[in-house]
């Protein structure tokens, strides 16, 4: 499953959480912080948790397609780095618990003049 994230709409932490909450269907009680983001994304293969409206089958991976990544990375470097680090942490946390990785990032970053697709578990 691929979920497109329009990073051109992200300007600060509030808009970061609003964009992801809307795109992922986070619950009303979503805390709008990175700990809450990690908790929601960790449950992508467990619909009973009610943490997102997007789900993947156990063992499958949800890919976040980040659109407008060049501008996002330069305009919001803190949020950009947090997205990468926290996506990796989601997978690390799951692997530590004996579950498979569940989240990948995909984006084309022209600033480096090469296509970048990052698997949040540390592969590229």
PDB file of N, CA and C in Angstrom:
ATOM      1  N   UNK A   1       0.841  -1.173   0.000  1.00  0.00           N
ATOM      2  CA  UNK A   1       0.000   0.000   0.000  1.00  0.00           C
ATOM      3  C   UNK A   1       0.890   1.242   0.000  1.00  0.00           C
ATOM      4  N   UNK A   2       0.485   2.212  -0.774  1.00  0.00           N
ATOM      5  CA  UNK A   2       1.203   3.485  -0.847  1.00  0.00           C
ATOM      6  C   UNK A   2       0.260   4.599  -0.409  1.00  0.00           C
ATOM      7  N   UNK A   3       0.741   5.426   0.508  1.00  0.00           N
ATOM      8  CA  UNK A   3      -0.004   6.615   0.944  1.00  0.00           C
ATOM      9  C   UNK A   3       0.839   7.827   0.579  1.00  0.00           C
ATOM     10  N   UNK A   4       0.249   8.718  -0.200  1.00  0.00           N
ATOM     11  CA  UNK A   4       0.954   9.931  -0.624  1.00  0.00           C
ATOM     12  C   UNK A   4       0.821  11.009   0.439  1.00  0.00           C
ATOM     13  N   UNK A   5       1.956  11.623   0.757  1.00  0.00           N
ATOM     14  CA  UNK A   5       1.999  12.719   1.714  1.00  0.00           C
ATOM     15  C   UNK A   5       2.420  13.974   0.960  1.00  0.00           C
ATOM     16  N   UNK A   6       1.567  14.988   0.973  1.00  0.00           N
ATOM     17  CA  UNK A   6       1.863  16.252   0.304  1.00  0.00           C
ATOM     18  C   UNK A   6       2.672  17.128   1.255  1.00  0.00           C
ATOM     19  N   UNK A   7       3.994  16.981   1.184  1.00  0.00           N
ATOM     20  CA  UNK A   7       4.877  17.717   2.097  1.00  0.00           C
ATOM     21  C   UNK A   7       4.914  19.207   1.805  1.00  0.00           C
ATOM     22  N   UNK A   8       4.355  19.649   0.668  1.00  0.00           N
ATOM     23  CA  UNK A   8       4.308  21.085   0.391  1.00  0.00           C
ATOM     24  C   UNK A   8       3.401  21.803   1.382  1.00  0.00           C
ATOM     25  N   UNK A   9       2.513  21.051   2.036  1.00  0.00           N
ATOM     26  CA  UNK A   9       1.587  21.631   3.019  1.00  0.00           C
ATOM     27  C   UNK A   9       2.203  21.751   4.409  1.00  0.00           C
ATOM     28  N   UNK A  10       3.379  21.156   4.601  1.00  0.00           N
ATOM     29  CA  UNK A  10       4.001  21.161   5.924  1.00  0.00           C
ATOM     30  C   UNK A  10       4.877  22.392   6.072  1.00  0.00           C
ATOM     31  N   UNK A  11       4.613  23.181   7.113  1.00  0.00           N
ATOM     32  CA  UNK A  11       5.357  24.410   7.385  1.00  0.00           C
ATOM     33  C   UNK A  11       5.977  24.429   8.783  1.00  0.00           C
ATOM     34  N   UNK A  12       5.429  23.603   9.675  1.00  0.00           N
ATOM     35  CA  UNK A  12       5.853  23.591  11.074  1.00  0.00           C
ATOM     36  C   UNK A  12       5.339  22.293  11.701  1.00  0.00           C
ATOM     37  N   UNK A  13       5.509  22.158  13.017  1.00  0.00           N
ATOM     38  CA  UNK A  13       5.064  20.927  13.678  1.00  0.00           C
ATOM     39  C   UNK A  13       3.552  20.751  13.611  1.00  0.00           C
ATOM     40  N   UNK A  14       2.799  21.832  13.795  1.00  0.00           N
ATOM     41  CA  UNK A  14       1.341  21.710  13.749  1.00  0.00           C
ATOM     42  C   UNK A  14       0.868  21.203  12.393  1.00  0.00           C
ATOM     43  N   UNK A  15       1.411  21.771  11.321  1.00  0.00           N
ATOM     44  CA  UNK A  15       0.986  21.330   9.987  1.00  0.00           C
ATOM     45  C   UNK A  15       1.515  19.928   9.671  1.00  0.00           C
ATOM     46  N   UNK A  16       2.696  19.579  10.169  1.00  0.00           N
ATOM     47  CA  UNK A  16       3.215  18.206   9.999  1.00  0.00           C
ATOM     48  C   UNK A  16       2.198  17.210  10.543  1.00  0.00           C
ATOM     49  N   UNK A  17       1.769  17.438  11.773  1.00  0.00           N
ATOM     50  CA  UNK A  17       0.838  16.493  12.399  1.00  0.00           C
ATOM     51  C   UNK A  17      -0.541  16.536  11.757  1.00  0.00           C
ATOM     52  N   UNK A  18      -0.974  17.699  11.311  1.00  0.00           N
ATOM     53  CA  UNK A  18      -2.264  17.797  10.628  1.00  0.00           C
ATOM     54  C   UNK A  18      -2.247  17.029   9.309  1.00  0.00           C
ATOM     55  N   UNK A  19      -1.178  17.180   8.532  1.00  0.00           N
ATOM     56  CA  UNK A  19      -1.068  16.488   7.241  1.00  0.00           C
ATOM     57  C   UNK A  19      -1.046  14.972   7.446  1.00  0.00           C
ATOM     58  N   UNK A  20      -0.244  14.504   8.386  1.00  0.00           N
ATOM     59  CA  UNK A  20      -0.174  13.059   8.616  1.00  0.00           C
ATOM     60  C   UNK A  20      -1.456  12.518   9.220  1.00  0.00           C
ATOM     61  N   UNK A  21      -2.054  13.260  10.120  1.00  0.00           N
ATOM     62  CA  UNK A  21      -3.308  12.814  10.725  1.00  0.00           C
ATOM     63  C   UNK A  21      -4.391  12.654   9.661  1.00  0.00           C
ATOM     64  N   UNK A  22      -4.467  13.621   8.767  1.00  0.00           N
ATOM     65  CA  UNK A  22      -5.453  13.568   7.674  1.00  0.00           C
ATOM     66  C   UNK A  22      -5.147  12.414   6.720  1.00  0.00           C
ATOM     67  N   UNK A  23      -3.901  12.296   6.303  1.00  0.00           N
ATOM     68  CA  UNK A  23      -3.528  11.271   5.320  1.00  0.00           C
ATOM     69  C   UNK A  23      -3.654   9.850   5.874  1.00  0.00           C
ATOM     70  N   UNK A  24      -3.327   9.681   7.150  1.00  0.00           N
ATOM     71  CA  UNK A  24      -3.300   8.348   7.744  1.00  0.00           C
ATOM     72  C   UNK A  24      -4.568   8.002   8.514  1.00  0.00           C
ATOM     73  N   UNK A  25      -5.405   8.982   8.752  1.00  0.00           N
ATOM     74  CA  UNK A  25      -6.626   8.712   9.503  1.00  0.00           C
ATOM     75  C   UNK A  25      -6.350   8.387  10.963  1.00  0.00           C
ATOM     76  N   UNK A  26      -5.477   9.184  11.584  1.00  0.00           N
ATOM     77  CA  UNK A  26      -5.192   8.988  13.001  1.00  0.00           C
ATOM     78  C   UNK A  26      -6.468   9.254  13.813  1.00  0.00           C
ATOM     79  N   UNK A  27      -6.565   8.665  14.999  1.00  0.00           N
ATOM     80  CA  UNK A  27      -7.783   8.851  15.809  1.00  0.00           C
ATOM     81  C   UNK A  27      -7.910  10.271  16.352  1.00  0.00           C
ATOM     82  N   UNK A  28      -9.103  10.611  16.790  1.00  0.00           N
ATOM     83  CA  UNK A  28      -9.360  11.958  17.336  1.00  0.00           C
ATOM     84  C   UNK A  28      -8.466  12.275  18.523  1.00  0.00           C
ATOM     85  N   UNK A  29      -8.082  11.257  19.283  1.00  0.00           N
ATOM     86  CA  UNK A  29      -7.255  11.486  20.467  1.00  0.00           C
ATOM     87  C   UNK A  29      -5.760  11.561  20.146  1.00  0.00           C
ATOM     88  N   UNK A  30      -5.405  11.578  18.851  1.00  0.00           N
ATOM     89  CA  UNK A  30      -3.999  11.667  18.439  1.00  0.00           C
ATOM     90  C   UNK A  30      -3.335  12.856  19.133  1.00  0.00           C
ATOM     91  N   UNK A  31      -2.187  12.614  19.754  1.00  0.00           N
ATOM     92  CA  UNK A  31      -1.523  13.617  20.573  1.00  0.00           C
ATOM     93  C   UNK A  31      -0.719  14.663  19.839  1.00  0.00           C
ATOM     94  N   UNK A  32      -0.614  14.555  18.510  1.00  0.00           N
ATOM     95  CA  UNK A  32       0.114  15.537  17.689  1.00  0.00           C
ATOM     96  C   UNK A  32       1.530  15.779  18.207  1.00  0.00           C
ATOM     97  N   UNK A  33       2.240  14.691  18.464  1.00  0.00           N
ATOM     98  CA  UNK A  33       3.663  14.737  18.802  1.00  0.00           C
ATOM     99  C   UNK A  33       4.301  13.480  18.210  1.00  0.00           C
ATOM    100  N   UNK A  34       5.608  13.419  18.175  1.00  0.00           N
ATOM    101  CA  UNK A  34       6.263  12.307  17.494  1.00  0.00           C
ATOM    102  C   UNK A  34       6.111  10.984  18.241  1.00  0.00           C
ATOM    103  N   UNK A  35       5.950  11.013  19.531  1.00  0.00           N
ATOM    104  CA  UNK A  35       5.678   9.767  20.258  1.00  0.00           C
ATOM    105  C   UNK A  35       4.330   9.188  19.839  1.00  0.00           C
ATOM    106  N   UNK A  36       3.335  10.042  19.714  1.00  0.00           N
ATOM    107  CA  UNK A  36       2.017   9.593  19.262  1.00  0.00           C
ATOM    108  C   UNK A  36       2.080   9.126  17.807  1.00  0.00           C
ATOM    109  N   UNK A  37       2.863   9.826  16.964  1.00  0.00           N
ATOM    110  CA  UNK A  37       3.040   9.434  15.562  1.00  0.00           C
ATOM    111  C   UNK A  37       3.614   8.020  15.491  1.00  0.00           C
ATOM    112  N   UNK A  38       4.666   7.772  16.270  1.00  0.00           N
ATOM    113  CA  UNK A  38       5.292   6.442  16.301  1.00  0.00           C
ATOM    114  C   UNK A  38       4.279   5.398  16.752  1.00  0.00           C
ATOM    115  N   UNK A  39       3.521   5.681  17.777  1.00  0.00           N
ATOM    116  CA  UNK A  39       2.526   4.727  18.262  1.00  0.00           C
ATOM    117  C   UNK A  39       1.509   4.390  17.174  1.00  0.00           C
ATOM    118  N   UNK A  40       1.008   5.409  16.479  1.00  0.00           N
ATOM    119  CA  UNK A  40       0.040   5.162  15.413  1.00  0.00           C
ATOM    120  C   UNK A  40       0.645   4.329  14.287  1.00  0.00           C
ATOM    121  N   UNK A  41       1.845   4.687  13.864  1.00  0.00           N
ATOM    122  CA  UNK A  41       2.469   3.993  12.734  1.00  0.00           C
ATOM    123  C   UNK A  41       2.900   2.575  13.091  1.00  0.00           C
ATOM    124  N   UNK A  42       3.176   2.320  14.350  1.00  0.00           N
ATOM    125  CA  UNK A  42       3.571   0.981  14.775  1.00  0.00           C
ATOM    126  C   UNK A  42       2.423  -0.006  14.611  1.00  0.00           C
ATOM    127  N   UNK A  43       1.196   0.476  14.613  1.00  0.00           N
ATOM    128  CA  UNK A  43       0.012  -0.392  14.569  1.00  0.00           C
ATOM    129  C   UNK A  43      -0.586  -0.546  13.176  1.00  0.00           C
ATOM    130  N   UNK A  44       0.183  -0.302  12.145  1.00  0.00           N
ATOM    131  CA  UNK A  44      -0.362  -0.342  10.786  1.00  0.00           C
ATOM    132  C   UNK A  44      -0.934  -1.708  10.395  1.00  0.00           C
ATOM    133  N   UNK A  45      -0.433  -2.770  10.998  1.00  0.00           N
ATOM    134  CA  UNK A  45      -0.943  -4.105  10.660  1.00  0.00           C
ATOM    135  C   UNK A  45      -1.895  -4.647  11.724  1.00  0.00           C
ATOM    136  N   UNK A  46      -2.409  -3.772  12.565  1.00  0.00           N
ATOM    137  CA  UNK A  46      -3.335  -4.189  13.621  1.00  0.00           C
ATOM    138  C   UNK A  46      -4.553  -3.267  13.644  1.00  0.00           C
ATOM    139  N   UNK A  47      -5.515  -3.505  12.747  1.00  0.00           N
ATOM    140  CA  UNK A  47      -6.690  -2.631  12.668  1.00  0.00           C
ATOM    141  C   UNK A  47      -7.455  -2.515  13.986  1.00  0.00           C
ATOM    142  N   UNK A  48      -7.398  -3.535  14.821  1.00  0.00           N
ATOM    143  CA  UNK A  48      -8.128  -3.505  16.089  1.00  0.00           C
ATOM    144  C   UNK A  48      -7.620  -2.404  17.012  1.00  0.00           C
ATOM    145  N   UNK A  49      -6.377  -1.972  16.827  1.00  0.00           N
ATOM    146  CA  UNK A  49      -5.837  -0.886  17.645  1.00  0.00           C
ATOM    147  C   UNK A  49      -6.535   0.444  17.373  1.00  0.00           C
ATOM    148  N   UNK A  50      -7.093   0.618  16.179  1.00  0.00           N
ATOM    149  CA  UNK A  50      -7.801   1.845  15.832  1.00  0.00           C
ATOM    150  C   UNK A  50      -6.912   3.072  15.725  1.00  0.00           C
ATOM    151  N   UNK A  51      -5.635   2.860  15.394  1.00  0.00           N
ATOM    152  CA  UNK A  51      -4.690   3.978  15.365  1.00  0.00           C
ATOM    153  C   UNK A  51      -4.580   4.654  14.001  1.00  0.00           C
ATOM    154  N   UNK A  52      -5.008   3.999  12.944  1.00  0.00           N
ATOM    155  CA  UNK A  52      -5.020   4.578  11.595  1.00  0.00           C
ATOM    156  C   UNK A  52      -6.215   4.004  10.833  1.00  0.00           C
ATOM    157  N   UNK A  53      -6.577   4.668   9.738  1.00  0.00           N
ATOM    158  CA  UNK A  53      -7.599   4.091   8.862  1.00  0.00           C
ATOM    159  C   UNK A  53      -6.971   3.306   7.724  1.00  0.00           C
ATOM    160  N   UNK A  54      -5.647   3.383   7.579  1.00  0.00           N
ATOM    161  CA  UNK A  54      -4.924   2.585   6.581  1.00  0.00           C
ATOM    162  C   UNK A  54      -4.272   1.413   7.289  1.00  0.00           C
ATOM    163  N   UNK A  55      -4.414   0.241   6.686  1.00  0.00           N
ATOM    164  CA  UNK A  55      -3.840  -0.955   7.292  1.00  0.00           C
ATOM    165  C   UNK A  55      -3.196  -1.827   6.235  1.00  0.00           C
ATOM    166  N   UNK A  56      -2.208  -2.580   6.665  1.00  0.00           N
ATOM    167  CA  UNK A  56      -1.586  -3.573   5.799  1.00  0.00           C
ATOM    168  C   UNK A  56      -1.732  -4.932   6.465  1.00  0.00           C
ATOM    169  N   UNK A  57      -1.659  -5.964   5.675  1.00  0.00           N
ATOM    170  CA  UNK A  57      -1.696  -7.326   6.199  1.00  0.00           C
ATOM    171  C   UNK A  57      -0.427  -7.592   6.989  1.00  0.00           C
ATOM    172  N   UNK A  58      -0.493  -8.470   7.977  1.00  0.00           N
ATOM    173  CA  UNK A  58       0.728  -8.820   8.711  1.00  0.00           C
ATOM    174  C   UNK A  58       1.832  -9.258   7.743  1.00  0.00           C
ATOM    175  N   UNK A  59       3.007  -8.698   7.922  1.00  0.00           N
ATOM    176  CA  UNK A  59       4.139  -8.996   7.056  1.00  0.00           C
ATOM    177  C   UNK A  59       4.271  -8.062   5.867  1.00  0.00           C
ATOM    178  N   UNK A  60       3.235  -7.267   5.598  1.00  0.00           N
ATOM    179  CA  UNK A  60       3.283  -6.312   4.486  1.00  0.00           C
ATOM    180  C   UNK A  60       3.817  -4.966   4.991  1.00  0.00           C
ATOM    181  N   UNK A  61       4.161  -4.107   4.038  1.00  0.00           N
ATOM    182  CA  UNK A  61       4.748  -2.802   4.350  1.00  0.00           C
ATOM    183  C   UNK A  61       3.899  -1.702   3.742  1.00  0.00           C
ATOM    184  N   UNK A  62       3.665  -0.654   4.500  1.00  0.00           N
ATOM    185  CA  UNK A  62       3.030   0.547   3.985  1.00  0.00           C
ATOM    186  C   UNK A  62       4.137   1.516   3.589  1.00  0.00           C
ATOM    187  N   UNK A  63       4.039   2.066   2.391  1.00  0.00           N
ATOM    188  CA  UNK A  63       5.021   3.027   1.904  1.00  0.00           C
ATOM    189  C   UNK A  63       4.430   4.424   1.934  1.00  0.00           C
ATOM    190  N   UNK A  64       5.151   5.325   2.571  1.00  0.00           N
ATOM    191  CA  UNK A  64       4.782   6.742   2.549  1.00  0.00           C
ATOM    192  C   UNK A  64       5.527   7.391   1.389  1.00  0.00           C
ATOM    193  N   UNK A  65       4.792   7.818   0.363  1.00  0.00           N
ATOM    194  CA  UNK A  65       5.363   8.518  -0.780  1.00  0.00           C
ATOM    195  C   UNK A  65       5.347  10.001  -0.445  1.00  0.00           C
ATOM    196  N   UNK A  66       6.538  10.570  -0.200  1.00  0.00           N
ATOM    197  CA  UNK A  66       6.633  11.966   0.221  1.00  0.00           C
ATOM    198  C   UNK A  66       6.802  12.850  -1.010  1.00  0.00           C
ATOM    199  N   UNK A  67       5.776  13.612  -1.336  1.00  0.00           N
ATOM    200  CA  UNK A  67       5.813  14.516  -2.477  1.00  0.00           C
ATOM    201  C   UNK A  67       6.319  15.891  -2.032  1.00  0.00           C
ATOM    202  N   UNK A  68       7.131  16.522  -2.871  1.00  0.00           N
ATOM    203  CA  UNK A  68       7.671  17.840  -2.554  1.00  0.00           C
ATOM    204  C   UNK A  68       8.776  17.783  -1.517  1.00  0.00           C
ATOM    205  N   UNK A  69       9.560  16.725  -1.544  1.00  0.00           N
ATOM    206  CA  UNK A  69      10.542  16.499  -0.482  1.00  0.00           C
ATOM    207  C   UNK A  69      11.675  17.520  -0.484  1.00  0.00           C
ATOM    208  N   UNK A  70      12.114  18.002  -1.645  1.00  0.00           N
ATOM    209  CA  UNK A  70      13.210  18.981  -1.672  1.00  0.00           C
ATOM    210  C   UNK A  70      12.858  20.231  -0.879  1.00  0.00           C
ATOM    211  N   UNK A  71      11.710  20.813  -1.183  1.00  0.00           N
ATOM    212  CA  UNK A  71      11.289  22.011  -0.465  1.00  0.00           C
ATOM    213  C   UNK A  71      11.039  21.715   1.003  1.00  0.00           C
ATOM    214  N   UNK A  72      10.438  20.557   1.275  1.00  0.00           N
ATOM    215  CA  UNK A  72      10.170  20.165   2.654  1.00  0.00           C
ATOM    216  C   UNK A  72      11.467  20.061   3.462  1.00  0.00           C
ATOM    217  N   UNK A  73      12.471  19.395   2.896  1.00  0.00           N
ATOM    218  CA  UNK A  73      13.742  19.200   3.603  1.00  0.00           C
ATOM    219  C   UNK A  73      14.440  20.523   3.891  1.00  0.00           C
ATOM    220  N   UNK A  74      14.354  21.473   2.969  1.00  0.00           N
ATOM    221  CA  UNK A  74      15.022  22.760   3.203  1.00  0.00           C
ATOM    222  C   UNK A  74      14.181  23.699   4.064  1.00  0.00           C
ATOM    223  N   UNK A  75      12.866  23.628   3.921  1.00  0.00           N
ATOM    224  CA  UNK A  75      11.971  24.518   4.667  1.00  0.00           C
ATOM    225  C   UNK A  75      11.787  24.048   6.117  1.00  0.00           C
ATOM    226  N   UNK A  76      11.765  22.730   6.309  1.00  0.00           N
ATOM    227  CA  UNK A  76      11.468  22.148   7.628  1.00  0.00           C
ATOM    228  C   UNK A  76      12.473  21.037   7.952  1.00  0.00           C
ATOM    229  N   UNK A  77      13.744  21.377   8.097  1.00  0.00           N
ATOM    230  CA  UNK A  77      14.750  20.322   8.305  1.00  0.00           C
ATOM    231  C   UNK A  77      14.499  19.486   9.565  1.00  0.00           C
ATOM    232  N   UNK A  78      13.977  20.091  10.600  1.00  0.00           N
ATOM    233  CA  UNK A  78      13.720  19.340  11.835  1.00  0.00           C
ATOM    234  C   UNK A  78      12.631  18.287  11.621  1.00  0.00           C
ATOM    235  N   UNK A  79      11.566  18.667  10.938  1.00  0.00           N
ATOM    236  CA  UNK A  79      10.472  17.738  10.672  1.00  0.00           C
ATOM    237  C   UNK A  79      10.900  16.660   9.678  1.00  0.00           C
ATOM    238  N   UNK A  80      11.689  17.053   8.680  1.00  0.00           N
ATOM    239  CA  UNK A  80      12.203  16.098   7.695  1.00  0.00           C
ATOM    240  C   UNK A  80      13.048  15.016   8.378  1.00  0.00           C
ATOM    241  N   UNK A  81      13.985  15.435   9.215  1.00  0.00           N
ATOM    242  CA  UNK A  81      14.833  14.472   9.928  1.00  0.00           C
ATOM    243  C   UNK A  81      14.017  13.617  10.885  1.00  0.00           C
ATOM    244  N   UNK A  82      13.043  14.226  11.549  1.00  0.00           N
ATOM    245  CA  UNK A  82      12.201  13.464  12.472  1.00  0.00           C
ATOM    246  C   UNK A  82      11.404  12.398  11.728  1.00  0.00           C
ATOM    247  N   UNK A  83      10.925  12.722  10.539  1.00  0.00           N
ATOM    248  CA  UNK A  83      10.197  11.746   9.734  1.00  0.00           C
ATOM    249  C   UNK A  83      11.075  10.537   9.434  1.00  0.00           C
ATOM    250  N   UNK A  84      12.295  10.781   9.018  1.00  0.00           N
ATOM    251  CA  UNK A  84      13.208   9.682   8.699  1.00  0.00           C
ATOM    252  C   UNK A  84      13.556   8.885   9.955  1.00  0.00           C
ATOM    253  N   UNK A  85      13.956   9.579  11.002  1.00  0.00           N
ATOM    254  CA  UNK A  85      14.359   8.897  12.242  1.00  0.00           C
ATOM    255  C   UNK A  85      13.205   8.130  12.881  1.00  0.00           C
ATOM    256  N   UNK A  86      12.045   8.736  12.936  1.00  0.00           N
ATOM    257  CA  UNK A  86      10.916   8.070  13.589  1.00  0.00           C
ATOM    258  C   UNK A  86      10.369   6.917  12.757  1.00  0.00           C
ATOM    259  N   UNK A  87      10.442   7.021  11.439  1.00  0.00           N
ATOM    260  CA  UNK A  87      10.052   5.892  10.594  1.00  0.00           C
ATOM    261  C   UNK A  87      10.973   4.705  10.854  1.00  0.00           C
ATOM    262  N   UNK A  88      12.259   4.975  10.943  1.00  0.00           N
ATOM    263  CA  UNK A  88      13.220   3.912  11.258  1.00  0.00           C
ATOM    264  C   UNK A  88      12.937   3.337  12.642  1.00  0.00           C
ATOM    265  N   UNK A  89      12.595   4.202  13.599  1.00  0.00           N
ATOM    266  CA  UNK A  89      12.320   3.729  14.960  1.00  0.00           C
ATOM    267  C   UNK A  89      11.092   2.838  15.001  1.00  0.00           C
ATOM    268  N   UNK A  90      10.058   3.161  14.215  1.00  0.00           N
ATOM    269  CA  UNK A  90       8.873   2.299  14.147  1.00  0.00           C
ATOM    270  C   UNK A  90       9.301   0.877  13.815  1.00  0.00           C
ATOM    271  N   UNK A  91      10.127   0.735  12.786  1.00  0.00           N
ATOM    272  CA  UNK A  91      10.552  -0.598  12.372  1.00  0.00           C
ATOM    273  C   UNK A  91      11.488  -1.242  13.389  1.00  0.00           C
ATOM    274  N   UNK A  92      12.407  -0.467  13.952  1.00  0.00           N
ATOM    275  CA  UNK A  92      13.321  -1.006  14.956  1.00  0.00           C
ATOM    276  C   UNK A  92      12.526  -1.556  16.142  1.00  0.00           C
ATOM    277  N   UNK A  93      11.572  -0.768  16.583  1.00  0.00           N
ATOM    278  CA  UNK A  93      10.746  -1.168  17.729  1.00  0.00           C
ATOM    279  C   UNK A  93      10.030  -2.478  17.455  1.00  0.00           C
ATOM    280  N   UNK A  94       9.474  -2.600  16.259  1.00  0.00           N
ATOM    281  CA  UNK A  94       8.760  -3.821  15.900  1.00  0.00           C
ATOM    282  C   UNK A  94       9.713  -5.012  15.815  1.00  0.00           C
ATOM    283  N   UNK A  95      10.852  -4.814  15.189  1.00  0.00           N
ATOM    284  CA  UNK A  95      11.827  -5.900  15.049  1.00  0.00           C
ATOM    285  C   UNK A  95      12.306  -6.363  16.423  1.00  0.00           C
ATOM    286  N   UNK A  96      12.532  -5.417  17.333  1.00  0.00           N
ATOM    287  CA  UNK A  96      12.935  -5.768  18.696  1.00  0.00           C
ATOM    288  C   UNK A  96      11.875  -6.620  19.395  1.00  0.00           C
ATOM    289  N   UNK A  97      10.618  -6.452  19.011  1.00  0.00           N
ATOM    290  CA  UNK A  97       9.511  -7.209  19.602  1.00  0.00           C
ATOM    291  C   UNK A  97       9.202  -8.487  18.830  1.00  0.00           C
ATOM    292  N   UNK A  98      10.030  -8.783  17.803  1.00  0.00           N
ATOM    293  CA  UNK A  98       9.836 -10.001  17.027  1.00  0.00           C
ATOM    294  C   UNK A  98       8.843  -9.875  15.878  1.00  0.00           C
ATOM    295  N   UNK A  99       8.426  -8.664  15.569  1.00  0.00           N
ATOM    296  CA  UNK A  99       7.499  -8.412  14.462  1.00  0.00           C
ATOM    297  C   UNK A  99       8.285  -7.865  13.271  1.00  0.00           C
ATOM    298  N   UNK A 100       7.765  -8.046  12.061  1.00  0.00           N
ATOM    299  CA  UNK A 100       8.480  -7.520  10.896  1.00  0.00           C
ATOM    300  C   UNK A 100       8.320  -6.004  10.752  1.00  0.00           C
ATOM    301  N   UNK A 101       9.219  -5.404   9.989  1.00  0.00           N
ATOM    302  CA  UNK A 101       9.110  -3.985   9.642  1.00  0.00           C
ATOM    303  C   UNK A 101       7.775  -3.758   8.932  1.00  0.00           C
ATOM    304  N   UNK A 102       7.236  -2.551   9.089  1.00  0.00           N
ATOM    305  CA  UNK A 102       5.909  -2.272   8.546  1.00  0.00           C
ATOM    306  C   UNK A 102       5.846  -0.972   7.748  1.00  0.00           C
ATOM    307  N   UNK A 103       6.946  -0.200   7.738  1.00  0.00           N
ATOM    308  CA  UNK A 103       6.885   1.146   7.177  1.00  0.00           C
ATOM    309  C   UNK A 103       8.097   1.422   6.291  1.00  0.00           C
ATOM    310  N   UNK A 104       7.858   2.046   5.153  1.00  0.00           N
ATOM    311  CA  UNK A 104       8.937   2.472   4.251  1.00  0.00           C
ATOM    312  C   UNK A 104       8.653   3.894   3.794  1.00  0.00           C
ATOM    313  N   UNK A 105       9.723   4.610   3.476  1.00  0.00           N
ATOM    314  CA  UNK A 105       9.616   5.950   2.904  1.00  0.00           C
ATOM    315  C   UNK A 105      10.091   5.898   1.463  1.00  0.00           C
ATOM    316  N   UNK A 106       9.440   6.679   0.610  1.00  0.00           N
ATOM    317  CA  UNK A 106       9.859   6.799  -0.772  1.00  0.00           C
ATOM    318  C   UNK A 106       9.785   8.263  -1.159  1.00  0.00           C
ATOM    319  N   UNK A 107      10.884   8.761  -1.741  1.00  0.00           N
ATOM    320  CA  UNK A 107      10.887  10.137  -2.230  1.00  0.00           C
ATOM    321  C   UNK A 107      12.010  10.319  -3.227  1.00  0.00           C
ATOM    322  N   UNK A 108      11.854  11.341  -4.064  1.00  0.00           N
ATOM    323  CA  UNK A 108      12.866  11.691  -5.055  1.00  0.00           C
ATOM    324  C   UNK A 108      13.444  13.033  -4.645  1.00  0.00           C
ATOM    325  N   UNK A 109      14.688  13.015  -4.233  1.00  0.00           N
ATOM    326  CA  UNK A 109      15.339  14.230  -3.733  1.00  0.00           C
ATOM    327  C   UNK A 109      16.332  14.709  -4.780  1.00  0.00           C
ATOM    328  N   UNK A 110      15.975  15.764  -5.487  1.00  0.00           N
ATOM    329  CA  UNK A 110      16.822  16.243  -6.576  1.00  0.00           C
ATOM    330  C   UNK A 110      18.053  16.975  -6.086  1.00  0.00           C
ATOM    331  N   UNK A 111      18.033  17.460  -4.852  1.00  0.00           N
ATOM    332  CA  UNK A 111      19.180  18.203  -4.330  1.00  0.00           C
ATOM    333  C   UNK A 111      20.449  17.363  -4.366  1.00  0.00           C
ATOM    334  N   UNK A 112      20.323  16.047  -4.220  1.00  0.00           N
ATOM    335  CA  UNK A 112      21.475  15.159  -4.270  1.00  0.00           C
ATOM    336  C   UNK A 112      21.689  14.591  -5.660  1.00  0.00           C
ATOM    337  N   UNK A 113      20.865  15.026  -6.627  1.00  0.00           N
ATOM    338  CA  UNK A 113      20.953  14.594  -8.021  1.00  0.00           C
ATOM    339  C   UNK A 113      20.830  13.091  -8.179  1.00  0.00           C
ATOM    340  N   UNK A 114      20.152  12.438  -7.235  1.00  0.00           N
ATOM    341  CA  UNK A 114      19.911  11.013  -7.386  1.00  0.00           C
ATOM    342  C   UNK A 114      18.592  10.676  -6.727  1.00  0.00           C
ATOM    343  N   UNK A 115      17.974   9.605  -7.209  1.00  0.00           N
ATOM    344  CA  UNK A 115      16.727   9.184  -6.616  1.00  0.00           C
ATOM    345  C   UNK A 115      17.029   8.493  -5.296  1.00  0.00           C
ATOM    346  N   UNK A 116      16.227   8.806  -4.294  1.00  0.00           N
ATOM    347  CA  UNK A 116      16.408   8.210  -2.983  1.00  0.00           C
ATOM    348  C   UNK A 116      15.127   7.517  -2.580  1.00  0.00           C
ATOM    349  N   UNK A 117      15.209   6.248  -2.320  1.00  0.00           N
ATOM    350  CA  UNK A 117      14.100   5.506  -1.738  1.00  0.00           C
ATOM    351  C   UNK A 117      14.651   4.860  -0.497  1.00  0.00           C
ATOM    352  N   UNK A 118      14.118   5.239   0.631  1.00  0.00           N
ATOM    353  CA  UNK A 118      14.614   4.722   1.901  1.00  0.00           C
ATOM    354  C   UNK A 118      13.625   3.757   2.493  1.00  0.00           C
ATOM    355  N   UNK A 119      14.100   2.595   2.806  1.00  0.00           N
ATOM    356  CA  UNK A 119      13.326   1.693   3.649  1.00  0.00           C
ATOM    357  C   UNK A 119      13.629   2.131   5.072  1.00  0.00           C
ATOM    358  N   UNK A 120      12.637   2.357   5.831  1.00  0.00           N
ATOM    359  CA  UNK A 120      12.841   2.927   7.158  1.00  0.00           C
ATOM    360  C   UNK A 120      13.605   1.987   8.081  1.00  0.00           C
ATOM    361  N   UNK A 121      13.784   0.739   7.684  1.00  0.00           N
ATOM    362  CA  UNK A 121      14.538  -0.178   8.531  1.00  0.00           C
ATOM    363  C   UNK A 121      16.031  -0.020   8.316  1.00  0.00           C
ATOM    364  N   UNK A 122      16.426   0.914   7.465  1.00  0.00           N
ATOM    365  CA  UNK A 122      17.854   1.177   7.282  1.00  0.00           C
ATOM    366  C   UNK A 122      18.387   0.710   5.944  1.00  0.00           C
ATOM    367  N   UNK A 123      17.516   0.214   5.067  1.00  0.00           N
ATOM    368  CA  UNK A 123      17.974  -0.176   3.747  1.00  0.00           C
ATOM    369  C   UNK A 123      17.780   0.967   2.779  1.00  0.00           C
ATOM    370  N   UNK A 124      18.501   0.981   1.702  1.00  0.00           N
ATOM    371  CA  UNK A 124      18.274   1.996   0.679  1.00  0.00           C
ATOM    372  C   UNK A 124      18.362   1.398  -0.696  1.00  0.00           C
TER     373      UNK A 124
END
